[in-house]
């Protein structure tokens, strides 16, 4: 049974908290957890997993979190073949304070990874979210799981549970 690699970058601790919650929910026998700042040295870390959950918060005007800067640059330069990789994205944002750029980092990750051949799964309906705009929407859905622990922390646990249930279709290890 193939394990899932969970990779996240976290500045304020919010993405880390979410990644740890997902890791705890799935269990150590199903997934490995990596902090991009502390545990990530090379794109090869990602390549050893066929199934990945990638977490990134959004900063500024829809930019990705700093721990993703070097890995994304390396991927764009090295052009690793991600075909055969199934990836789901998650990330926190602030739908009120940054409603014009809500979870925009997920859109950036989506585009880079898809251009390298990855299959991106885990799209989430925009319903039940309050925001102005997002560059993380494709075909009317978010490209991954958006969470807002600032304004909607009461919805986080249920959103994670629903998303993990959704992923069972594309992540065989979750269906068993």
C-alpha atoms as a PDB file:
ATOM      1  CA  UNK A   1       0.000   0.000   0.000  1.00  0.00           C
ATOM      2  CA  UNK A   2       1.463   3.345  -1.061  1.00  0.00           C
ATOM      3  CA  UNK A   3       1.763   5.989   1.616  1.00  0.00           C
ATOM      4  CA  UNK A   4       0.656   9.584   1.179  1.00  0.00           C
ATOM      5  CA  UNK A   5       3.197  12.366   1.587  1.00  0.00           C
ATOM      6  CA  UNK A   6       1.878  15.481   3.323  1.00  0.00           C
ATOM      7  CA  UNK A   7       4.090  18.518   2.682  1.00  0.00           C
ATOM      8  CA  UNK A   8       3.320  21.938   4.106  1.00  0.00           C
ATOM      9  CA  UNK A   9       4.855  25.351   4.585  1.00  0.00           C
ATOM     10  CA  UNK A  10       3.808  27.432   7.564  1.00  0.00           C
ATOM     11  CA  UNK A  11       4.775  30.897   8.757  1.00  0.00           C
ATOM     12  CA  UNK A  12       2.252  31.593  11.491  1.00  0.00           C
ATOM     13  CA  UNK A  13       1.531  27.954  12.394  1.00  0.00           C
ATOM     14  CA  UNK A  14      -1.943  27.756  10.868  1.00  0.00           C
ATOM     15  CA  UNK A  15      -1.003  25.529   7.923  1.00  0.00           C
ATOM     16  CA  UNK A  16       1.088  23.388  10.264  1.00  0.00           C
ATOM     17  CA  UNK A  17      -1.888  22.947  12.585  1.00  0.00           C
ATOM     18  CA  UNK A  18      -4.086  21.901   9.649  1.00  0.00           C
ATOM     19  CA  UNK A  19      -1.449  19.504   8.266  1.00  0.00           C
ATOM     20  CA  UNK A  20      -1.019  17.909  11.694  1.00  0.00           C
ATOM     21  CA  UNK A  21      -4.794  17.562  12.021  1.00  0.00           C
ATOM     22  CA  UNK A  22      -4.965  15.804   8.636  1.00  0.00           C
ATOM     23  CA  UNK A  23      -1.979  13.613   9.548  1.00  0.00           C
ATOM     24  CA  UNK A  24      -3.598  12.668  12.854  1.00  0.00           C
ATOM     25  CA  UNK A  25      -6.917  11.926  11.140  1.00  0.00           C
ATOM     26  CA  UNK A  26      -5.291   9.661   8.544  1.00  0.00           C
ATOM     27  CA  UNK A  27      -2.675   8.092  10.814  1.00  0.00           C
ATOM     28  CA  UNK A  28       1.071   7.495  10.572  1.00  0.00           C
ATOM     29  CA  UNK A  29       0.569   4.151   8.859  1.00  0.00           C
ATOM     30  CA  UNK A  30      -1.147   5.950   5.940  1.00  0.00           C
ATOM     31  CA  UNK A  31       0.924   9.116   5.578  1.00  0.00           C
ATOM     32  CA  UNK A  32       4.212  10.867   6.299  1.00  0.00           C
ATOM     33  CA  UNK A  33       4.342  14.507   7.361  1.00  0.00           C
ATOM     34  CA  UNK A  34       6.963  17.010   6.153  1.00  0.00           C
ATOM     35  CA  UNK A  35       7.527  20.633   7.114  1.00  0.00           C
ATOM     36  CA  UNK A  36       8.914  22.328   3.985  1.00  0.00           C
ATOM     37  CA  UNK A  37      11.259  24.550   6.004  1.00  0.00           C
ATOM     38  CA  UNK A  38      12.724  21.833   8.215  1.00  0.00           C
ATOM     39  CA  UNK A  39      12.383  18.558   6.299  1.00  0.00           C
ATOM     40  CA  UNK A  40      12.596  19.460   2.607  1.00  0.00           C
ATOM     41  CA  UNK A  41      15.855  19.696   0.687  1.00  0.00           C
ATOM     42  CA  UNK A  42      15.041  18.526  -2.809  1.00  0.00           C
ATOM     43  CA  UNK A  43      12.155  17.917  -5.211  1.00  0.00           C
ATOM     44  CA  UNK A  44      13.073  14.216  -5.029  1.00  0.00           C
ATOM     45  CA  UNK A  45      11.281  14.128  -1.649  1.00  0.00           C
ATOM     46  CA  UNK A  46       8.009  14.736  -3.486  1.00  0.00           C
ATOM     47  CA  UNK A  47       8.835  12.285  -6.240  1.00  0.00           C
ATOM     48  CA  UNK A  48       9.029   9.292  -3.910  1.00  0.00           C
ATOM     49  CA  UNK A  49       5.263   9.533  -3.313  1.00  0.00           C
ATOM     50  CA  UNK A  50       2.546   8.791  -5.854  1.00  0.00           C
ATOM     51  CA  UNK A  51      -0.050  10.466  -3.628  1.00  0.00           C
ATOM     52  CA  UNK A  52       0.536  13.889  -2.125  1.00  0.00           C
ATOM     53  CA  UNK A  53      -1.328  16.385   0.039  1.00  0.00           C
ATOM     54  CA  UNK A  54       0.290  19.803  -0.236  1.00  0.00           C
ATOM     55  CA  UNK A  55      -0.483  22.651   2.150  1.00  0.00           C
ATOM     56  CA  UNK A  56       0.249  26.305   1.537  1.00  0.00           C
ATOM     57  CA  UNK A  57      -1.175  29.502   2.941  1.00  0.00           C
ATOM     58  CA  UNK A  58      -1.702  32.664   0.920  1.00  0.00           C
ATOM     59  CA  UNK A  59       0.181  35.886   1.648  1.00  0.00           C
ATOM     60  CA  UNK A  60       0.002  39.430   0.353  1.00  0.00           C
ATOM     61  CA  UNK A  61      -1.808  39.790  -2.939  1.00  0.00           C
ATOM     62  CA  UNK A  62      -2.427  36.071  -3.456  1.00  0.00           C
ATOM     63  CA  UNK A  63       1.161  34.828  -3.175  1.00  0.00           C
ATOM     64  CA  UNK A  64       2.350  31.492  -1.810  1.00  0.00           C
ATOM     65  CA  UNK A  65       4.010  31.046   1.566  1.00  0.00           C
ATOM     66  CA  UNK A  66       7.822  31.497   1.647  1.00  0.00           C
ATOM     67  CA  UNK A  67       8.701  27.839   2.334  1.00  0.00           C
ATOM     68  CA  UNK A  68       7.343  27.024  -1.138  1.00  0.00           C
ATOM     69  CA  UNK A  69       9.448  29.656  -2.934  1.00  0.00           C
ATOM     70  CA  UNK A  70      12.592  27.547  -3.549  1.00  0.00           C
ATOM     71  CA  UNK A  71      10.790  24.254  -4.253  1.00  0.00           C
ATOM     72  CA  UNK A  72       8.494  25.891  -6.828  1.00  0.00           C
ATOM     73  CA  UNK A  73      11.447  27.678  -8.427  1.00  0.00           C
ATOM     74  CA  UNK A  74      13.349  24.384  -8.585  1.00  0.00           C
ATOM     75  CA  UNK A  75      10.365  22.620 -10.131  1.00  0.00           C
ATOM     76  CA  UNK A  76       9.946  25.303 -12.769  1.00  0.00           C
ATOM     77  CA  UNK A  77      13.686  25.071 -13.626  1.00  0.00           C
ATOM     78  CA  UNK A  78      14.152  21.298 -13.407  1.00  0.00           C
ATOM     79  CA  UNK A  79      10.750  20.376 -14.888  1.00  0.00           C
ATOM     80  CA  UNK A  80      10.364  17.048 -13.032  1.00  0.00           C
ATOM     81  CA  UNK A  81       7.869  14.640 -14.553  1.00  0.00           C
ATOM     82  CA  UNK A  82       4.909  14.531 -12.183  1.00  0.00           C
ATOM     83  CA  UNK A  83       2.743  12.359 -14.414  1.00  0.00           C
ATOM     84  CA  UNK A  84       1.488   9.470 -12.325  1.00  0.00           C
ATOM     85  CA  UNK A  85       1.333  11.688  -9.209  1.00  0.00           C
ATOM     86  CA  UNK A  86      -2.056  12.388  -7.675  1.00  0.00           C
ATOM     87  CA  UNK A  87      -2.036  15.600  -5.670  1.00  0.00           C
ATOM     88  CA  UNK A  88      -4.615  17.330  -3.498  1.00  0.00           C
ATOM     89  CA  UNK A  89      -4.080  20.849  -2.192  1.00  0.00           C
ATOM     90  CA  UNK A  90      -5.140  22.529   1.033  1.00  0.00           C
ATOM     91  CA  UNK A  91      -4.496  25.927   2.504  1.00  0.00           C
ATOM     92  CA  UNK A  92      -5.702  28.552   4.910  1.00  0.00           C
ATOM     93  CA  UNK A  93      -6.729  32.035   3.944  1.00  0.00           C
ATOM     94  CA  UNK A  94      -8.623  34.969   5.381  1.00  0.00           C
ATOM     95  CA  UNK A  95     -11.872  35.397   3.469  1.00  0.00           C
ATOM     96  CA  UNK A  96     -12.674  38.701   5.175  1.00  0.00           C
ATOM     97  CA  UNK A  97      -9.346  40.498   5.527  1.00  0.00           C
ATOM     98  CA  UNK A  98      -8.014  39.188   2.210  1.00  0.00           C
ATOM     99  CA  UNK A  99     -11.244  38.369   0.394  1.00  0.00           C
ATOM    100  CA  UNK A 100      -9.883  39.665  -2.933  1.00  0.00           C
ATOM    101  CA  UNK A 101      -7.053  37.100  -2.879  1.00  0.00           C
ATOM    102  CA  UNK A 102      -8.641  34.257  -0.923  1.00  0.00           C
ATOM    103  CA  UNK A 103      -6.404  31.137  -1.054  1.00  0.00           C
ATOM    104  CA  UNK A 104      -4.730  32.350  -4.240  1.00  0.00           C
ATOM    105  CA  UNK A 105      -1.613  30.307  -3.428  1.00  0.00           C
ATOM    106  CA  UNK A 106      -3.566  27.145  -4.180  1.00  0.00           C
ATOM    107  CA  UNK A 107      -4.126  28.402  -7.711  1.00  0.00           C
ATOM    108  CA  UNK A 108      -0.381  28.953  -8.182  1.00  0.00           C
ATOM    109  CA  UNK A 109       0.468  25.469  -6.878  1.00  0.00           C
ATOM    110  CA  UNK A 110      -2.246  23.959  -9.052  1.00  0.00           C
ATOM    111  CA  UNK A 111      -0.949  25.576 -12.226  1.00  0.00           C
ATOM    112  CA  UNK A 112       2.708  24.686 -11.638  1.00  0.00           C
ATOM    113  CA  UNK A 113       2.005  21.082 -10.660  1.00  0.00           C
ATOM    114  CA  UNK A 114      -0.492  20.501 -13.458  1.00  0.00           C
ATOM    115  CA  UNK A 115       1.978  21.894 -16.011  1.00  0.00           C
ATOM    116  CA  UNK A 116       4.438  19.219 -14.825  1.00  0.00           C
ATOM    117  CA  UNK A 117       1.918  16.437 -15.467  1.00  0.00           C
ATOM    118  CA  UNK A 118       0.379  15.936 -12.021  1.00  0.00           C
ATOM    119  CA  UNK A 119      -3.258  14.962 -11.616  1.00  0.00           C
ATOM    120  CA  UNK A 120      -4.852  17.462  -9.241  1.00  0.00           C
ATOM    121  CA  UNK A 121      -7.861  16.203  -7.271  1.00  0.00           C
ATOM    122  CA  UNK A 122      -9.931  17.342  -4.318  1.00  0.00           C
ATOM    123  CA  UNK A 123     -11.722  20.338  -5.827  1.00  0.00           C
ATOM    124  CA  UNK A 124     -14.182  21.936  -3.408  1.00  0.00           C
ATOM    125  CA  UNK A 125     -17.380  23.850  -4.106  1.00  0.00           C
ATOM    126  CA  UNK A 126     -17.252  27.600  -3.531  1.00  0.00           C
ATOM    127  CA  UNK A 127     -20.634  27.423  -1.813  1.00  0.00           C
ATOM    128  CA  UNK A 128     -20.563  28.107   1.927  1.00  0.00           C
ATOM    129  CA  UNK A 129     -17.506  30.377   1.571  1.00  0.00           C
ATOM    130  CA  UNK A 130     -17.608  34.167   1.915  1.00  0.00           C
ATOM    131  CA  UNK A 131     -14.989  35.881  -0.251  1.00  0.00           C
ATOM    132  CA  UNK A 132     -14.753  38.446  -3.038  1.00  0.00           C
ATOM    133  CA  UNK A 133     -12.369  36.782  -5.495  1.00  0.00           C
ATOM    134  CA  UNK A 134      -9.944  33.906  -5.763  1.00  0.00           C
ATOM    135  CA  UNK A 135      -7.420  32.849  -8.380  1.00  0.00           C
ATOM    136  CA  UNK A 136      -7.765  29.318  -7.006  1.00  0.00           C
ATOM    137  CA  UNK A 137     -11.033  28.629  -8.815  1.00  0.00           C
ATOM    138  CA  UNK A 138     -11.181  26.427 -11.889  1.00  0.00           C
ATOM    139  CA  UNK A 139     -14.455  25.284 -13.459  1.00  0.00           C
ATOM    140  CA  UNK A 140     -16.448  26.918 -10.668  1.00  0.00           C
ATOM    141  CA  UNK A 141     -14.666  25.138  -7.794  1.00  0.00           C
ATOM    142  CA  UNK A 142     -11.663  25.749  -5.594  1.00  0.00           C
ATOM    143  CA  UNK A 143      -8.699  23.660  -6.803  1.00  0.00           C
ATOM    144  CA  UNK A 144      -8.287  22.289  -3.277  1.00  0.00           C
ATOM    145  CA  UNK A 145      -9.511  22.675   0.277  1.00  0.00           C
ATOM    146  CA  UNK A 146      -9.692  26.290   1.464  1.00  0.00           C
ATOM    147  CA  UNK A 147      -9.863  26.849   5.201  1.00  0.00           C
ATOM    148  CA  UNK A 148     -10.329  30.066   7.139  1.00  0.00           C
ATOM    149  CA  UNK A 149      -9.243  29.625  10.732  1.00  0.00           C
ATOM    150  CA  UNK A 150      -9.579  33.376  11.313  1.00  0.00           C
ATOM    151  CA  UNK A 151     -13.255  33.864  10.454  1.00  0.00           C
ATOM    152  CA  UNK A 152     -14.682  30.354  10.077  1.00  0.00           C
ATOM    153  CA  UNK A 153     -12.691  28.162  12.475  1.00  0.00           C
ATOM    154  CA  UNK A 154     -15.940  26.495  13.542  1.00  0.00           C
ATOM    155  CA  UNK A 155     -16.166  24.949  10.037  1.00  0.00           C
ATOM    156  CA  UNK A 156     -12.580  23.659   9.784  1.00  0.00           C
ATOM    157  CA  UNK A 157     -13.006  20.182  11.270  1.00  0.00           C
ATOM    158  CA  UNK A 158     -16.078  19.384   9.172  1.00  0.00           C
ATOM    159  CA  UNK A 159     -14.493  20.770   6.009  1.00  0.00           C
ATOM    160  CA  UNK A 160     -11.427  18.575   6.556  1.00  0.00           C
ATOM    161  CA  UNK A 161     -13.580  15.498   7.238  1.00  0.00           C
ATOM    162  CA  UNK A 162     -15.691  16.111   4.115  1.00  0.00           C
ATOM    163  CA  UNK A 163     -12.588  16.677   1.989  1.00  0.00           C
ATOM    164  CA  UNK A 164     -10.872  13.514   3.194  1.00  0.00           C
ATOM    165  CA  UNK A 165     -14.050  11.599   2.381  1.00  0.00           C
ATOM    166  CA  UNK A 166     -14.015  13.132  -1.110  1.00  0.00           C
ATOM    167  CA  UNK A 167     -10.382  12.074  -1.597  1.00  0.00           C
ATOM    168  CA  UNK A 168     -11.202   8.393  -1.052  1.00  0.00           C
ATOM    169  CA  UNK A 169     -12.159   8.198  -4.723  1.00  0.00           C
ATOM    170  CA  UNK A 170      -8.682   9.227  -5.898  1.00  0.00           C
ATOM    171  CA  UNK A 171      -6.479   8.013  -3.025  1.00  0.00           C
ATOM    172  CA  UNK A 172      -6.923   4.218  -2.821  1.00  0.00           C
ATOM    173  CA  UNK A 173      -5.147   3.983   0.533  1.00  0.00           C
ATOM    174  CA  UNK A 174      -7.966   6.075   2.066  1.00  0.00           C
ATOM    175  CA  UNK A 175     -10.686   3.770   0.762  1.00  0.00           C
ATOM    176  CA  UNK A 176      -9.450   0.748   2.684  1.00  0.00           C
END
